[in-house]
Amino acid sequence: MDKIVAPIRPEDKGPAVANFQPAMLFIVEKRELSLASHTLAKWRQALAPELAQQLFGQRTPKEPPQLSALQHL
């Protein structure tokens, strides 16, 4: 993983998004964060088309559950 370059906004495309999405999934997985009613596997599957396109689309959460709390660690 590379350093995440902010800001990354909805509808952005490219390497920054391609780095952000796996990093977000990694944090959610390792911290065992809640994803509401979705399992991590379902979230990965739903996000797969956007990952392939390096797209911050509608399936990429704008603020994943509990992820904002990690900013203070």
Protein backbone atom coordinates (compact mmCIF):
# COMPACT_ATOMS: atom_id res chain seq x y z
CA MET A 1 0.00 0.00 0.00
CA ASP A 2 1.08 3.51 -0.74
CA LYS A 3 0.37 6.65 1.22
CA ILE A 4 -3.21 7.83 0.69
CA VAL A 5 -3.30 11.28 -0.86
CA ALA A 6 -6.24 13.41 0.24
CA PRO A 7 -8.74 14.51 -0.75
CA ILE A 8 -10.42 11.60 -2.48
CA ARG A 9 -13.98 12.43 -3.42
CA PRO A 10 -16.93 10.55 -4.87
CA GLU A 11 -16.59 10.01 -8.64
CA ASP A 12 -12.78 10.33 -8.51
CA LYS A 13 -10.84 7.79 -10.57
CA GLY A 14 -7.26 6.69 -10.69
CA PRO A 15 -4.35 5.46 -8.61
CA ALA A 16 -5.32 7.36 -5.45
CA VAL A 17 -8.70 5.61 -5.40
CA ALA A 18 -7.07 2.28 -6.29
CA ASN A 19 -4.91 2.68 -3.19
CA PHE A 20 -7.69 3.97 -0.91
CA GLN A 21 -10.19 1.15 -1.40
CA PRO A 22 -7.88 -1.78 -0.48
CA ALA A 23 -6.51 0.23 2.45
CA MET A 24 -10.05 0.83 3.70
CA LEU A 25 -10.91 -2.87 3.34
CA PHE A 26 -7.69 -3.83 5.12
CA ILE A 27 -8.49 -1.60 8.09
CA VAL A 28 -12.07 -2.85 8.31
CA GLU A 29 -10.87 -6.46 8.19
CA LYS A 30 -8.00 -6.14 10.66
CA ARG A 31 -9.95 -4.03 13.15
CA GLU A 32 -13.02 -6.27 12.74
CA LEU A 33 -15.22 -3.22 12.30
CA SER A 34 -18.95 -3.49 11.83
CA LEU A 35 -20.28 -3.08 8.30
CA ALA A 36 -23.95 -2.74 9.25
CA SER A 37 -25.83 -5.64 7.66
CA HIS A 38 -23.05 -6.61 5.24
CA THR A 39 -20.34 -9.18 5.75
CA LEU A 40 -16.83 -8.23 4.70
CA ALA A 41 -17.06 -10.78 1.87
CA LYS A 42 -20.27 -9.21 0.53
CA TRP A 43 -18.78 -5.74 0.77
CA ARG A 44 -15.68 -6.87 -1.16
CA GLN A 45 -17.90 -8.45 -3.83
CA ALA A 46 -20.04 -5.32 -4.17
CA LEU A 47 -16.94 -3.13 -4.39
CA ALA A 48 -15.18 -5.33 -6.99
CA PRO A 49 -16.42 -3.45 -10.10
CA GLU A 50 -15.28 -0.12 -8.67
CA LEU A 51 -11.93 -1.60 -7.65
CA ALA A 52 -11.41 -2.83 -11.21
CA GLN A 53 -12.19 0.65 -12.59
CA GLN A 54 -10.28 2.52 -9.86
CA LEU A 55 -13.53 4.41 -9.28
CA PHE A 56 -14.86 6.01 -6.11
CA GLY A 57 -18.47 5.27 -7.01
CA GLN A 58 -21.68 4.58 -5.14
CA ARG A 59 -20.45 1.26 -3.75
CA THR A 60 -17.42 2.86 -2.12
CA PRO A 61 -18.69 4.08 1.25
CA LYS A 62 -18.27 7.78 1.77
CA GLU A 63 -17.50 7.11 5.42
CA PRO A 64 -17.35 3.44 6.38
CA PRO A 65 -18.85 2.57 9.76
CA GLN A 66 -16.48 3.25 12.62
CA LEU A 67 -13.65 4.12 10.24
CA SER A 68 -13.67 7.79 11.18
CA ALA A 69 -12.91 6.76 14.77
CA LEU A 70 -9.60 5.32 13.59
CA GLN A 71 -8.35 8.77 12.64
CA HIS A 72 -7.69 9.41 16.31
CA LEU A 73 -5.55 6.29 16.93
